[in-house]
Every structure is written in structure tokens, then in C-alpha cells.
């Protein structure tokens, strides 16, 4: 005897649009539109150094307090893969020192005299 009300309650839960439409004349019971998502600007970063950018890289980057490939990419408008390779070179020359070598994010600092 207790079964019929239960099924009625279930169907009302499943279909909430049916109830408000009766109550307020279908004002709020509109289907939710999906937003198209945020549109990011295409990063038009260089995938190879030109002379000017490379000189800027050699001059500016060793002065930074904290050096990461993503930070270099932001500042010089180069690809992160290029920044990573360039920082590796710079480390081999001894201009900068690596403090964290996680596979996803390398962190460097400027080489101190100590």
C-alpha cells in the first residue's frame, strides 16, 4: 500500500521542470544554456631564438631572482621548450644554478659566488 506514493515522489524528483512550470506559468523553467567557455588568445611565441632575443636572454635572465622555463617564456615570448633547452645550456656554462629538477618544472637561481 505504501508503494504508489513513493513512485510519485521519485518521478517529481526526476523531473523538477514539470512542477515550477505549473506554479509560475513557465517563467523560470527554462533550459540552462551552456556557456561556450573562455576563449584564450593564441600565444604566438617564437620556437627559435633570433639574435635580439637571445642577447636579451643572456643579459636579463641571470639577473632574475627566480628562474623557471615558464617565467622565461612569458618574458621573452618564446616557447617553453626553447626556454627549457636554453636554461639547460646556461646551467652548463655555470651562469645559473639549478635548485629543483622536477620533471615538469625546473627551478633555477642565479649562480652565487659562494
Protein backbone atom coordinates (compact mmCIF):
# COMPACT_ATOMS: atom_id res chain seq x y z
CA UNK A 1 0.00 0.00 0.00
CA UNK A 2 2.97 2.28 0.63
CA UNK A 3 4.43 1.85 -2.84
CA UNK A 4 2.36 4.25 -5.07
CA UNK A 5 3.25 7.49 -3.20
CA UNK A 6 6.92 6.55 -3.31
CA UNK A 7 6.97 6.24 -7.12
CA UNK A 8 5.12 9.56 -7.38
CA UNK A 9 7.75 11.25 -5.22
CA UNK A 10 10.54 9.75 -7.32
CA UNK A 11 9.12 10.99 -10.60
CA UNK A 12 8.73 14.52 -9.23
CA UNK A 13 12.38 14.48 -8.17
CA UNK A 14 13.50 13.24 -11.54
CA UNK A 15 11.55 15.92 -13.42
CA UNK A 16 11.78 19.20 -11.50
CA UNK A 17 10.93 21.25 -14.61
CA UNK A 18 7.35 19.91 -14.59
CA UNK A 19 6.41 21.44 -11.21
CA UNK A 20 7.66 25.08 -11.43
CA UNK A 21 6.15 25.43 -14.90
CA UNK A 22 2.69 24.88 -13.42
CA UNK A 23 3.36 27.13 -10.45
CA UNK A 24 4.68 30.33 -12.05
CA UNK A 25 3.48 30.00 -15.60
CA UNK A 26 6.74 28.64 -17.01
CA UNK A 27 8.77 31.71 -16.15
CA UNK A 28 11.85 30.21 -14.58
CA UNK A 29 11.72 26.72 -16.04
CA UNK A 30 14.00 27.45 -18.99
CA UNK A 31 16.68 25.01 -20.01
CA UNK A 32 20.12 26.07 -18.84
CA UNK A 33 22.32 27.21 -21.70
CA UNK A 34 25.95 26.10 -21.59
CA UNK A 35 28.47 28.87 -21.82
CA UNK A 36 30.96 28.44 -24.63
CA UNK A 37 33.88 28.61 -22.21
CA UNK A 38 36.59 31.22 -22.02
CA UNK A 39 38.49 31.92 -25.21
CA UNK A 40 42.21 32.27 -24.70
CA UNK A 41 44.33 34.29 -27.07
CA UNK A 42 46.65 32.10 -29.09
CA UNK A 43 50.17 32.53 -27.74
CA UNK A 44 52.28 33.38 -30.72
CA UNK A 45 55.62 32.53 -29.15
CA UNK A 46 58.81 32.02 -31.11
CA UNK A 47 60.08 28.46 -31.37
CA UNK A 48 63.64 29.51 -32.24
CA UNK A 49 65.78 32.33 -30.91
CA UNK A 50 66.55 35.31 -33.05
CA UNK A 51 69.71 37.27 -32.28
CA UNK A 52 67.99 40.08 -30.36
CA UNK A 53 66.00 37.73 -28.15
CA UNK A 54 68.99 35.53 -27.43
CA UNK A 55 71.10 38.52 -26.38
CA UNK A 56 68.25 39.67 -24.15
CA UNK A 57 68.05 36.16 -22.68
CA UNK A 58 71.78 36.09 -21.91
CA UNK A 59 71.66 39.58 -20.39
CA UNK A 60 68.42 39.60 -18.39
CA UNK A 61 67.78 36.07 -17.20
CA UNK A 62 70.86 35.66 -14.95
CA UNK A 63 69.69 38.81 -13.10
CA UNK A 64 66.31 37.27 -12.13
CA UNK A 65 65.83 36.15 -8.55
CA UNK A 66 63.95 33.00 -9.54
CA UNK A 67 64.27 31.42 -12.95
CA UNK A 68 61.81 28.93 -14.41
CA UNK A 69 61.14 27.96 -18.03
CA UNK A 70 57.61 29.34 -17.80
CA UNK A 71 58.83 32.71 -16.49
CA UNK A 72 61.42 32.96 -19.28
CA UNK A 73 58.75 32.05 -21.83
CA UNK A 74 56.46 34.80 -20.51
CA UNK A 75 59.13 37.49 -20.57
CA UNK A 76 60.79 36.78 -23.89
CA UNK A 77 57.75 35.43 -25.78
CA UNK A 78 59.46 32.15 -26.60
CA UNK A 79 58.20 28.59 -26.40
CA UNK A 80 58.67 26.88 -23.06
CA UNK A 81 60.52 24.02 -24.76
CA UNK A 82 63.03 26.56 -26.11
CA UNK A 83 63.34 28.21 -22.70
CA UNK A 84 63.99 24.82 -21.11
CA UNK A 85 66.79 24.00 -23.55
CA UNK A 86 68.33 27.46 -23.19
CA UNK A 87 68.29 27.30 -19.40
CA UNK A 88 69.94 23.90 -19.52
CA UNK A 89 72.72 25.39 -21.65
CA UNK A 90 73.06 28.30 -19.25
CA UNK A 91 73.35 25.90 -16.33
CA UNK A 92 76.13 24.00 -18.10
CA UNK A 93 78.02 27.28 -18.57
CA UNK A 94 77.62 27.92 -14.85
CA UNK A 95 75.72 31.19 -15.18
CA UNK A 96 72.77 29.82 -13.24
CA UNK A 97 72.30 27.06 -10.69
CA UNK A 98 69.50 24.50 -10.58
CA UNK A 99 67.77 24.10 -7.22
CA UNK A 100 64.86 21.86 -8.17
CA UNK A 101 64.83 19.43 -11.08
CA UNK A 102 61.30 18.07 -11.12
CA UNK A 103 60.43 16.58 -14.49
CA UNK A 104 57.60 19.07 -15.01
CA UNK A 105 59.08 22.26 -13.57
CA UNK A 106 62.77 23.07 -13.23
CA UNK A 107 63.69 25.89 -10.88
CA UNK A 108 66.94 27.81 -11.17
CA UNK A 109 68.58 30.67 -9.29
CA UNK A 110 71.45 32.88 -10.34
CA UNK A 111 74.85 31.45 -9.57
CA UNK A 112 76.15 33.00 -6.37
CA UNK A 113 79.79 33.46 -5.53
CA UNK A 114 79.51 31.13 -2.52
